Amino acid sequence: MNINKLSIDELYELNRKVVQRIKVLNSRKQEDAASQFGLKDRVFFVRKNGERIEGEIVKINRKTVKVQTNFGLWSVSPTLLQRS
């Protein structure tokens, strides 16, 4: 496909389709990652500052996992979790 020949309306439509496809793929990735865990699993994740946070899964949602830690309840993307 040569995008240089597309009109502005065609480019907007192509962009809409690409964004929609990316959302579907990201959603599947989240769901696949969440399916690897169960309630009460011990897990950890690493914060942006490098701090390792450990806890126990208390709820699994479609896009996030609730992890109870010593620092409170965290809502974490399942793609960031690892088993302890």
N, C-alpha and C. Protein backbone atom coordinates (compact mmCIF):
# COMPACT_ATOMS: atom_id res chain seq x y z
N MET A 1 0.84 -1.17 0.00
CA MET A 1 0.00 0.00 0.00
C MET A 1 0.89 1.24 0.00
N ASN A 2 0.65 2.11 -0.94
CA ASN A 2 1.39 3.36 -1.02
C ASN A 2 0.55 4.46 -0.37
N ILE A 3 0.90 4.83 0.84
CA ILE A 3 0.10 5.82 1.56
C ILE A 3 0.25 7.22 1.00
N ASN A 4 1.27 7.44 0.19
CA ASN A 4 1.47 8.76 -0.40
C ASN A 4 0.35 9.13 -1.38
N LYS A 5 -0.38 8.14 -1.86
CA LYS A 5 -1.45 8.40 -2.82
C LYS A 5 -2.83 8.47 -2.17
N LEU A 6 -2.89 8.31 -0.86
CA LEU A 6 -4.18 8.34 -0.17
C LEU A 6 -4.61 9.78 0.11
N SER A 7 -5.91 9.99 0.06
CA SER A 7 -6.46 11.31 0.41
C SER A 7 -6.46 11.47 1.93
N ILE A 8 -6.73 12.66 2.38
CA ILE A 8 -6.78 12.92 3.83
C ILE A 8 -7.86 12.07 4.49
N ASP A 9 -9.02 11.94 3.84
CA ASP A 9 -10.10 11.12 4.40
C ASP A 9 -9.70 9.64 4.46
N GLU A 10 -9.00 9.17 3.45
CA GLU A 10 -8.53 7.77 3.45
C GLU A 10 -7.48 7.56 4.53
N LEU A 11 -6.63 8.55 4.73
CA LEU A 11 -5.62 8.45 5.79
C LEU A 11 -6.26 8.42 7.18
N TYR A 12 -7.29 9.26 7.39
CA TYR A 12 -8.00 9.23 8.67
C TYR A 12 -8.65 7.87 8.89
N GLU A 13 -9.24 7.31 7.86
CA GLU A 13 -9.88 5.99 7.98
C GLU A 13 -8.84 4.92 8.27
N LEU A 14 -7.72 4.97 7.59
CA LEU A 14 -6.64 4.02 7.85
C LEU A 14 -6.15 4.15 9.29
N ASN A 15 -5.98 5.38 9.74
CA ASN A 15 -5.55 5.62 11.12
C ASN A 15 -6.55 5.04 12.12
N ARG A 16 -7.83 5.26 11.87
CA ARG A 16 -8.86 4.73 12.76
C ARG A 16 -8.76 3.21 12.85
N LYS A 17 -8.56 2.55 11.71
CA LYS A 17 -8.46 1.09 11.69
C LYS A 17 -7.20 0.60 12.40
N VAL A 18 -6.09 1.30 12.21
CA VAL A 18 -4.84 0.92 12.87
C VAL A 18 -4.98 1.05 14.39
N VAL A 19 -5.53 2.17 14.85
CA VAL A 19 -5.71 2.38 16.28
C VAL A 19 -6.63 1.32 16.87
N GLN A 20 -7.71 1.01 16.17
CA GLN A 20 -8.63 -0.02 16.64
C GLN A 20 -7.93 -1.37 16.75
N ARG A 21 -7.12 -1.73 15.77
CA ARG A 21 -6.41 -3.00 15.78
C ARG A 21 -5.40 -3.06 16.92
N ILE A 22 -4.70 -1.95 17.16
CA ILE A 22 -3.75 -1.90 18.27
C ILE A 22 -4.45 -2.10 19.60
N LYS A 23 -5.62 -1.50 19.77
CA LYS A 23 -6.38 -1.67 21.01
C LYS A 23 -6.79 -3.12 21.22
N VAL A 24 -7.22 -3.79 20.14
CA VAL A 24 -7.61 -5.20 20.24
C VAL A 24 -6.41 -6.05 20.64
N LEU A 25 -5.28 -5.83 20.00
CA LEU A 25 -4.08 -6.62 20.31
C LEU A 25 -3.60 -6.38 21.74
N ASN A 26 -3.62 -5.13 22.19
CA ASN A 26 -3.22 -4.82 23.57
C ASN A 26 -4.17 -5.46 24.57
N SER A 27 -5.45 -5.45 24.27
CA SER A 27 -6.44 -6.06 25.15
C SER A 27 -6.20 -7.56 25.26
N ARG A 28 -5.93 -8.21 24.15
CA ARG A 28 -5.63 -9.66 24.17
C ARG A 28 -4.38 -9.95 24.99
N LYS A 29 -3.37 -9.10 24.83
CA LYS A 29 -2.12 -9.27 25.57
C LYS A 29 -2.39 -9.19 27.07
N GLN A 30 -3.19 -8.21 27.49
CA GLN A 30 -3.53 -8.05 28.91
C GLN A 30 -4.30 -9.28 29.42
N GLU A 31 -5.28 -9.72 28.64
CA GLU A 31 -6.09 -10.86 29.06
C GLU A 31 -5.26 -12.14 29.13
N ASP A 32 -4.37 -12.34 28.17
CA ASP A 32 -3.49 -13.52 28.20
C ASP A 32 -2.58 -13.49 29.42
N ALA A 33 -2.05 -12.31 29.73
CA ALA A 33 -1.17 -12.18 30.90
C ALA A 33 -1.95 -12.43 32.19
N ALA A 34 -3.17 -11.89 32.27
CA ALA A 34 -3.99 -12.07 33.48
C ALA A 34 -4.36 -13.54 33.69
N SER A 35 -4.54 -14.27 32.60
CA SER A 35 -4.95 -15.68 32.72
C SER A 35 -3.84 -16.55 33.32
N GLN A 36 -2.63 -16.03 33.39
CA GLN A 36 -1.50 -16.79 33.95
C GLN A 36 -1.49 -16.76 35.48
N PHE A 37 -2.36 -15.95 36.06
CA PHE A 37 -2.37 -15.78 37.51
C PHE A 37 -3.70 -16.20 38.10
N GLY A 38 -3.68 -16.51 39.39
CA GLY A 38 -4.90 -16.85 40.11
C GLY A 38 -4.97 -16.07 41.41
N LEU A 39 -6.16 -16.08 42.02
CA LEU A 39 -6.33 -15.42 43.31
C LEU A 39 -5.37 -16.01 44.33
N LYS A 40 -4.86 -15.16 45.17
CA LYS A 40 -3.93 -15.50 46.26
C LYS A 40 -2.52 -15.83 45.77
N ASP A 41 -2.25 -15.71 44.47
CA ASP A 41 -0.88 -15.90 43.99
C ASP A 41 0.00 -14.79 44.56
N ARG A 42 1.21 -15.16 44.96
CA ARG A 42 2.20 -14.18 45.41
C ARG A 42 2.93 -13.66 44.18
N VAL A 43 2.95 -12.35 44.02
CA VAL A 43 3.55 -11.73 42.85
C VAL A 43 4.36 -10.51 43.25
N PHE A 44 5.10 -9.99 42.30
CA PHE A 44 5.78 -8.72 42.51
C PHE A 44 5.79 -7.96 41.20
N PHE A 45 6.00 -6.65 41.33
CA PHE A 45 6.21 -5.79 40.17
C PHE A 45 7.23 -4.75 40.57
N VAL A 46 7.84 -4.14 39.58
CA VAL A 46 8.87 -3.14 39.83
C VAL A 46 8.34 -1.78 39.40
N ARG A 47 8.37 -0.84 40.32
CA ARG A 47 7.91 0.52 40.03
C ARG A 47 8.90 1.23 39.12
N LYS A 48 8.49 2.35 38.57
CA LYS A 48 9.36 3.12 37.66
C LYS A 48 10.66 3.54 38.32
N ASN A 49 10.60 3.72 39.64
CA ASN A 49 11.81 4.15 40.36
C ASN A 49 12.71 2.96 40.72
N GLY A 50 12.34 1.75 40.29
CA GLY A 50 13.14 0.56 40.54
C GLY A 50 12.76 -0.20 41.79
N GLU A 51 11.85 0.33 42.57
CA GLU A 51 11.42 -0.32 43.81
C GLU A 51 10.59 -1.56 43.50
N ARG A 52 10.94 -2.65 44.14
CA ARG A 52 10.21 -3.91 43.97
C ARG A 52 9.08 -3.97 44.99
N ILE A 53 7.86 -4.17 44.52
CA ILE A 53 6.68 -4.26 45.38
C ILE A 53 6.13 -5.68 45.31
N GLU A 54 6.01 -6.32 46.48
CA GLU A 54 5.49 -7.68 46.54
C GLU A 54 4.12 -7.69 47.18
N GLY A 55 3.29 -8.64 46.76
CA GLY A 55 1.97 -8.74 47.35
C GLY A 55 1.24 -9.98 46.89
N GLU A 56 -0.05 -9.99 47.18
CA GLU A 56 -0.92 -11.12 46.88
C GLU A 56 -2.09 -10.65 46.02
N ILE A 57 -2.40 -11.42 44.98
CA ILE A 57 -3.52 -11.07 44.11
C ILE A 57 -4.83 -11.28 44.85
N VAL A 58 -5.66 -10.24 44.86
CA VAL A 58 -6.96 -10.33 45.54
C VAL A 58 -8.12 -10.23 44.55
N LYS A 59 -7.85 -9.75 43.34
CA LYS A 59 -8.91 -9.67 42.33
C LYS A 59 -8.28 -9.58 40.95
N ILE A 60 -8.89 -10.27 39.99
CA ILE A 60 -8.42 -10.23 38.61
C ILE A 60 -9.52 -9.62 37.75
N ASN A 61 -9.24 -8.46 37.20
CA ASN A 61 -10.16 -7.79 36.30
C ASN A 61 -9.75 -8.06 34.86
N ARG A 62 -10.52 -7.53 33.92
CA ARG A 62 -10.22 -7.75 32.51
C ARG A 62 -8.89 -7.12 32.10
N LYS A 63 -8.61 -5.92 32.60
CA LYS A 63 -7.40 -5.22 32.19
C LYS A 63 -6.38 -5.02 33.30
N THR A 64 -6.78 -5.20 34.54
CA THR A 64 -5.87 -5.00 35.66
C THR A 64 -6.01 -6.12 36.68
N VAL A 65 -5.03 -6.21 37.55
CA VAL A 65 -5.03 -7.16 38.65
C VAL A 65 -4.85 -6.35 39.93
N LYS A 66 -5.68 -6.63 40.94
CA LYS A 66 -5.55 -5.95 42.23
C LYS A 66 -4.58 -6.75 43.09
N VAL A 67 -3.55 -6.06 43.57
CA VAL A 67 -2.52 -6.70 44.38
C VAL A 67 -2.49 -6.02 45.74
N GLN A 68 -2.72 -6.81 46.78
CA GLN A 68 -2.64 -6.30 48.16
C GLN A 68 -1.20 -6.39 48.62
N THR A 69 -0.64 -5.25 49.04
CA THR A 69 0.74 -5.20 49.50
C THR A 69 0.79 -4.59 50.89
N ASN A 70 1.97 -4.53 51.46
CA ASN A 70 2.16 -3.85 52.74
C ASN A 70 1.92 -2.35 52.62
N PHE A 71 1.92 -1.85 51.38
CA PHE A 71 1.74 -0.42 51.11
C PHE A 71 0.34 -0.09 50.64
N GLY A 72 -0.57 -1.06 50.69
CA GLY A 72 -1.94 -0.82 50.26
C GLY A 72 -2.31 -1.67 49.05
N LEU A 73 -3.43 -1.33 48.46
CA LEU A 73 -3.96 -2.06 47.32
C LEU A 73 -3.53 -1.36 46.03
N TRP A 74 -2.93 -2.13 45.13
CA TRP A 74 -2.45 -1.59 43.87
C TRP A 74 -3.24 -2.21 42.72
N SER A 75 -3.56 -1.41 41.73
CA SER A 75 -4.17 -1.88 40.50
C SER A 75 -3.05 -1.90 39.46
N VAL A 76 -2.68 -3.11 39.00
CA VAL A 76 -1.48 -3.27 38.19
C VAL A 76 -1.83 -3.98 36.88
N SER A 77 -1.19 -3.57 35.81
CA SER A 77 -1.33 -4.30 34.55
C SER A 77 -0.73 -5.69 34.73
N PRO A 78 -1.43 -6.73 34.31
CA PRO A 78 -0.89 -8.08 34.48
C PRO A 78 0.41 -8.31 33.72
N THR A 79 0.67 -7.51 32.71
CA THR A 79 1.91 -7.66 31.96
C THR A 79 3.12 -7.23 32.77
N LEU A 80 2.90 -6.51 33.88
CA LEU A 80 4.00 -6.06 34.73
C LEU A 80 4.28 -7.00 35.89
N LEU A 81 3.41 -7.99 36.08
CA LEU A 81 3.54 -8.88 37.24
C LEU A 81 4.44 -10.09 36.95
N GLN A 82 5.12 -10.52 38.02
CA GLN A 82 5.90 -11.75 37.99
C GLN A 82 5.62 -12.51 39.27
N ARG A 83 5.73 -13.81 39.21
CA ARG A 83 5.51 -14.62 40.41
C ARG A 83 6.68 -14.43 41.37
N SER A 84 6.33 -14.40 42.67
CA SER A 84 7.36 -14.29 43.71
C SER A 84 7.97 -15.63 43.98
